[in-house]
Structures are given as C-alpha cells and as structure tokens.
Amino acid sequence: MTTKNSLEAQPQVGLAFNAQIVALQPERIEPGKRYWLKSGSRRQRVQVQPLSQLELKTGTWNAAQRLYRNAIGKVRLVFDEAAIFDPYEPNRLLAHSS
C-alpha cells in the first residue's frame, strides 16, 4: 500500500471541518457568530463553534462554550461557501519546513 506524501496529495474541499486555532479576536469567540477568515488572498465567512480549550497549566483539553483572546482551542468551522484545505496529519512536515 502506498500513500501520497504531502506534496503529492490534493487539497480537500468542504463546508465544515475541525481545526485548532489561537483566538486572536479582541472579543471572545462566540458559538454561532459569523467571522471573516482569511486564507492566502481569499476571505470567507465562517461560523466558529468552540469545542474545547487547552488549559496551559495542566496541558489538558477542557470543554469550552467560547474562546477568549489568546486561548488555544479546538473548534468546528462552518463556511458559507466551500473552503479548500489540507488536512494536518498528512501535511505535518510542511508546517515545519522552511
């Protein structure tokens, strides 16, 4: 069985997917509220549904209803239009290449 490396893999397209983010919004990130997300030169409307937040002191993930500024969280992103993305797992090495 052969698998494509990250440079050969095709991007995926979808209306929703899970992601890990750092909340840089000055106000907290609220479930169901619509935000602008910029990826490259493209801006898209997205709803962010917080799922959990990393507790930095303990390294554990706790359920979260909202994310405050500088929080690291797992979220569900729901787009108004199809989004193009690369899944993290097959592309882990690209995040560390320079």
N, C-alpha and C. Protein backbone atom coordinates (compact mmCIF):
# COMPACT_ATOMS: atom_id res chain seq x y z
N MET A 1 0.85 -1.16 0.00
CA MET A 1 0.00 0.00 0.00
C MET A 1 0.90 1.23 0.00
N THR A 2 0.67 2.13 -0.93
CA THR A 2 1.45 3.36 -0.98
C THR A 2 0.54 4.53 -0.66
N THR A 3 1.10 5.49 0.04
CA THR A 3 0.35 6.70 0.35
C THR A 3 1.07 7.87 -0.27
N LYS A 4 0.32 8.86 -0.67
CA LYS A 4 0.91 10.05 -1.24
C LYS A 4 1.56 10.88 -0.15
N ASN A 5 2.74 11.43 -0.46
CA ASN A 5 3.32 12.33 0.52
C ASN A 5 2.60 13.67 0.43
N SER A 6 2.88 14.55 1.34
CA SER A 6 2.13 15.80 1.44
C SER A 6 2.24 16.67 0.20
N LEU A 7 3.32 16.56 -0.55
CA LEU A 7 3.47 17.38 -1.75
C LEU A 7 2.65 16.84 -2.92
N GLU A 8 2.32 15.55 -2.90
CA GLU A 8 1.54 14.95 -3.98
C GLU A 8 0.04 14.93 -3.68
N ALA A 9 -0.34 15.07 -2.44
CA ALA A 9 -1.75 14.99 -2.04
C ALA A 9 -2.54 16.20 -2.56
N GLN A 10 -3.75 15.96 -2.97
CA GLN A 10 -4.63 17.02 -3.43
C GLN A 10 -5.33 17.66 -2.24
N PRO A 11 -5.55 18.99 -2.28
CA PRO A 11 -6.30 19.62 -1.20
C PRO A 11 -7.73 19.10 -1.16
N GLN A 12 -8.36 19.24 -0.02
CA GLN A 12 -9.75 18.83 0.13
C GLN A 12 -10.66 20.05 0.10
N VAL A 13 -11.92 19.81 -0.22
CA VAL A 13 -12.91 20.87 -0.29
C VAL A 13 -14.08 20.48 0.61
N GLY A 14 -14.59 21.43 1.39
CA GLY A 14 -15.71 21.12 2.26
C GLY A 14 -16.36 22.38 2.81
N LEU A 15 -17.53 22.22 3.38
CA LEU A 15 -18.25 23.32 4.01
C LEU A 15 -17.99 23.41 5.51
N ALA A 16 -17.42 22.34 6.09
CA ALA A 16 -17.16 22.34 7.52
C ALA A 16 -16.01 21.39 7.82
N PHE A 17 -15.20 21.75 8.80
CA PHE A 17 -14.15 20.86 9.28
C PHE A 17 -13.68 21.32 10.65
N ASN A 18 -13.00 20.42 11.36
CA ASN A 18 -12.45 20.75 12.68
C ASN A 18 -11.06 21.32 12.52
N ALA A 19 -10.68 22.20 13.44
CA ALA A 19 -9.37 22.84 13.40
C ALA A 19 -8.93 23.20 14.81
N GLN A 20 -7.64 23.44 14.96
CA GLN A 20 -7.10 24.01 16.19
C GLN A 20 -6.68 25.43 15.86
N ILE A 21 -7.06 26.37 16.72
CA ILE A 21 -6.77 27.78 16.46
C ILE A 21 -6.24 28.46 17.71
N VAL A 22 -5.62 29.61 17.51
CA VAL A 22 -5.31 30.54 18.59
C VAL A 22 -6.27 31.71 18.39
N ALA A 23 -7.03 32.03 19.42
CA ALA A 23 -8.04 33.08 19.33
C ALA A 23 -7.35 34.45 19.43
N LEU A 24 -7.28 35.16 18.32
CA LEU A 24 -6.67 36.48 18.30
C LEU A 24 -7.70 37.59 18.25
N GLN A 25 -8.96 37.23 18.25
CA GLN A 25 -10.06 38.18 18.25
C GLN A 25 -10.03 39.00 19.54
N PRO A 26 -10.11 40.34 19.49
CA PRO A 26 -10.10 41.14 20.74
C PRO A 26 -11.22 40.75 21.70
N GLU A 27 -12.41 40.46 21.16
CA GLU A 27 -13.50 39.96 21.99
C GLU A 27 -13.44 38.43 21.95
N ARG A 28 -14.18 37.80 22.83
CA ARG A 28 -14.19 36.33 22.83
C ARG A 28 -14.85 35.79 21.57
N ILE A 29 -14.52 34.56 21.22
CA ILE A 29 -15.14 33.88 20.08
C ILE A 29 -16.38 33.17 20.60
N GLU A 30 -17.53 33.53 20.05
CA GLU A 30 -18.82 33.03 20.49
C GLU A 30 -19.35 31.99 19.51
N PRO A 31 -20.02 30.95 20.00
CA PRO A 31 -20.61 29.96 19.10
C PRO A 31 -21.71 30.57 18.25
N GLY A 32 -21.73 30.23 16.97
CA GLY A 32 -22.78 30.69 16.07
C GLY A 32 -22.56 32.07 15.48
N LYS A 33 -21.66 32.86 16.05
CA LYS A 33 -21.38 34.18 15.49
C LYS A 33 -20.54 34.01 14.22
N ARG A 34 -20.81 34.87 13.23
CA ARG A 34 -20.09 34.78 11.95
C ARG A 34 -18.86 35.68 11.98
N TYR A 35 -17.74 35.14 11.47
CA TYR A 35 -16.47 35.86 11.41
C TYR A 35 -15.93 35.81 9.99
N TRP A 36 -14.97 36.68 9.72
CA TRP A 36 -14.22 36.61 8.47
C TRP A 36 -12.97 35.78 8.74
N LEU A 37 -12.67 34.85 7.86
CA LEU A 37 -11.45 34.05 7.94
C LEU A 37 -10.66 34.31 6.66
N LYS A 38 -9.40 34.64 6.81
CA LYS A 38 -8.56 34.90 5.64
C LYS A 38 -7.56 33.77 5.48
N SER A 39 -7.50 33.22 4.28
CA SER A 39 -6.55 32.17 3.94
C SER A 39 -5.92 32.55 2.62
N GLY A 40 -4.63 32.87 2.65
CA GLY A 40 -3.98 33.38 1.45
C GLY A 40 -4.60 34.71 1.08
N SER A 41 -5.05 34.84 -0.14
CA SER A 41 -5.69 36.09 -0.56
C SER A 41 -7.21 36.01 -0.50
N ARG A 42 -7.75 34.90 -0.03
CA ARG A 42 -9.20 34.68 0.00
C ARG A 42 -9.78 34.94 1.39
N ARG A 43 -10.88 35.68 1.43
CA ARG A 43 -11.63 35.90 2.67
C ARG A 43 -12.96 35.18 2.57
N GLN A 44 -13.34 34.48 3.65
CA GLN A 44 -14.60 33.75 3.67
C GLN A 44 -15.32 33.98 4.99
N ARG A 45 -16.65 33.92 4.93
CA ARG A 45 -17.47 33.99 6.13
C ARG A 45 -17.53 32.59 6.76
N VAL A 46 -17.38 32.56 8.08
CA VAL A 46 -17.35 31.29 8.78
C VAL A 46 -17.98 31.44 10.15
N GLN A 47 -18.67 30.40 10.59
CA GLN A 47 -19.13 30.31 11.98
C GLN A 47 -18.14 29.42 12.72
N VAL A 48 -17.77 29.84 13.92
CA VAL A 48 -16.83 29.08 14.73
C VAL A 48 -17.59 28.49 15.91
N GLN A 49 -17.52 27.19 16.04
CA GLN A 49 -18.18 26.51 17.15
C GLN A 49 -17.09 25.95 18.07
N PRO A 50 -16.78 26.64 19.18
CA PRO A 50 -15.75 26.14 20.10
C PRO A 50 -16.13 24.76 20.65
N LEU A 51 -15.15 23.88 20.68
CA LEU A 51 -15.36 22.53 21.21
C LEU A 51 -14.62 22.34 22.53
N SER A 52 -13.34 22.73 22.55
CA SER A 52 -12.55 22.60 23.77
C SER A 52 -11.42 23.62 23.77
N GLN A 53 -10.84 23.82 24.95
CA GLN A 53 -9.76 24.78 25.11
C GLN A 53 -8.62 24.12 25.87
N LEU A 54 -7.40 24.43 25.47
CA LEU A 54 -6.22 23.88 26.14
C LEU A 54 -5.95 24.65 27.42
N GLU A 55 -5.88 23.94 28.52
CA GLU A 55 -5.50 24.53 29.81
C GLU A 55 -3.98 24.47 29.87
N LEU A 56 -3.34 25.63 29.75
CA LEU A 56 -1.89 25.69 29.64
C LEU A 56 -1.16 25.18 30.88
N LYS A 57 -1.72 25.37 32.05
CA LYS A 57 -1.06 24.94 33.28
C LYS A 57 -0.98 23.42 33.40
N THR A 58 -2.01 22.73 32.90
CA THR A 58 -2.06 21.27 33.07
C THR A 58 -1.85 20.51 31.77
N GLY A 59 -2.00 21.20 30.62
CA GLY A 59 -1.87 20.53 29.33
C GLY A 59 -3.07 19.69 28.95
N THR A 60 -4.19 19.90 29.63
CA THR A 60 -5.41 19.13 29.34
C THR A 60 -6.38 19.97 28.51
N TRP A 61 -7.23 19.27 27.76
CA TRP A 61 -8.28 19.91 26.97
C TRP A 61 -9.57 19.86 27.75
N ASN A 62 -10.22 21.00 27.93
CA ASN A 62 -11.49 21.09 28.64
C ASN A 62 -12.57 21.61 27.70
N ALA A 63 -13.80 21.11 27.88
CA ALA A 63 -14.92 21.58 27.06
C ALA A 63 -15.02 23.10 27.17
N ALA A 64 -15.38 23.75 26.06
CA ALA A 64 -15.46 25.22 26.05
C ALA A 64 -16.69 25.66 25.27
N GLN A 65 -17.38 26.66 25.78
CA GLN A 65 -18.52 27.26 25.09
C GLN A 65 -18.08 28.45 24.26
N ARG A 66 -16.95 29.07 24.63
CA ARG A 66 -16.40 30.24 23.92
C ARG A 66 -14.90 30.25 24.14
N LEU A 67 -14.19 30.99 23.32
CA LEU A 67 -12.74 31.12 23.46
C LEU A 67 -12.40 32.58 23.67
N TYR A 68 -11.62 32.85 24.70
CA TYR A 68 -11.19 34.22 24.98
C TYR A 68 -9.88 34.50 24.26
N ARG A 69 -9.51 35.76 24.18
CA ARG A 69 -8.30 36.17 23.47
C ARG A 69 -7.09 35.38 23.96
N ASN A 70 -6.28 34.93 23.01
CA ASN A 70 -5.05 34.16 23.22
C ASN A 70 -5.29 32.72 23.64
N ALA A 71 -6.53 32.28 23.70
CA ALA A 71 -6.82 30.89 24.03
C ALA A 71 -6.47 29.99 22.85
N ILE A 72 -6.02 28.78 23.16
CA ILE A 72 -5.78 27.76 22.14
C ILE A 72 -6.97 26.82 22.22
N GLY A 73 -7.66 26.65 21.10
CA GLY A 73 -8.87 25.85 21.14
C GLY A 73 -9.06 24.94 19.95
N LYS A 74 -9.84 23.91 20.17
CA LYS A 74 -10.33 23.04 19.09
C LYS A 74 -11.72 23.54 18.75
N VAL A 75 -11.96 23.75 17.45
CA VAL A 75 -13.22 24.32 17.00
C VAL A 75 -13.74 23.57 15.78
N ARG A 76 -15.01 23.79 15.51
CA ARG A 76 -15.64 23.34 14.26
C ARG A 76 -15.87 24.60 13.45
N LEU A 77 -15.31 24.66 12.23
CA LEU A 77 -15.51 25.78 11.33
C LEU A 77 -16.57 25.41 10.31
N VAL A 78 -17.59 26.26 10.17
CA VAL A 78 -18.68 26.03 9.22
C VAL A 78 -18.70 27.22 8.27
N PHE A 79 -18.42 26.97 7.00
CA PHE A 79 -18.27 28.01 5.99
C PHE A 79 -19.57 28.26 5.23
N ASP A 80 -19.75 29.51 4.78
CA ASP A 80 -20.88 29.84 3.92
C ASP A 80 -20.69 29.28 2.51
N GLU A 81 -19.44 29.22 2.06
CA GLU A 81 -19.08 28.68 0.75
C GLU A 81 -18.01 27.62 0.94
N ALA A 82 -17.84 26.75 -0.02
CA ALA A 82 -16.85 25.69 0.08
C ALA A 82 -15.46 26.26 0.36
N ALA A 83 -14.76 25.61 1.27
CA ALA A 83 -13.40 26.01 1.64
C ALA A 83 -12.42 24.94 1.14
N ILE A 84 -11.24 25.37 0.78
CA ILE A 84 -10.18 24.46 0.34
C ILE A 84 -9.17 24.38 1.48
N PHE A 85 -8.77 23.16 1.84
CA PHE A 85 -7.85 22.99 2.95
C PHE A 85 -7.03 21.73 2.79
N ASP A 86 -5.92 21.68 3.49
CA ASP A 86 -5.08 20.50 3.59
C ASP A 86 -5.23 19.91 4.98
N PRO A 87 -5.57 18.63 5.10
CA PRO A 87 -5.64 18.02 6.42
C PRO A 87 -4.26 18.07 7.08
N TYR A 88 -4.22 18.23 8.38
CA TYR A 88 -2.95 18.37 9.10
C TYR A 88 -2.10 17.11 9.06
N GLU A 89 -2.67 15.96 9.39
CA GLU A 89 -1.87 14.75 9.54
C GLU A 89 -0.97 14.45 8.34
N PRO A 90 -1.49 14.41 7.11
CA PRO A 90 -0.58 14.10 6.00
C PRO A 90 0.36 15.26 5.66
N ASN A 91 0.15 16.42 6.26
CA ASN A 91 0.95 17.61 5.92
C ASN A 91 1.76 18.14 7.11
N ARG A 92 1.99 17.32 8.10
CA ARG A 92 2.72 17.75 9.29
C ARG A 92 4.09 18.29 8.96
N LEU A 93 4.78 17.68 8.02
CA LEU A 93 6.14 18.12 7.68
C LEU A 93 6.15 19.49 7.03
N LEU A 94 5.09 19.84 6.30
CA LEU A 94 5.05 21.16 5.66
C LEU A 94 5.01 22.27 6.70
N ALA A 95 4.41 22.01 7.85
CA ALA A 95 4.34 23.02 8.91
C ALA A 95 5.70 23.34 9.50
N HIS A 96 6.65 22.42 9.32
CA HIS A 96 7.98 22.61 9.92
C HIS A 96 9.07 22.88 8.89
N SER A 97 8.71 22.96 7.61
CA SER A 97 9.74 23.21 6.60
C SER A 97 9.94 24.70 6.42
N SER A 98 11.16 25.07 6.12
CA SER A 98 11.46 26.49 5.90
C SER A 98 12.28 26.64 4.64
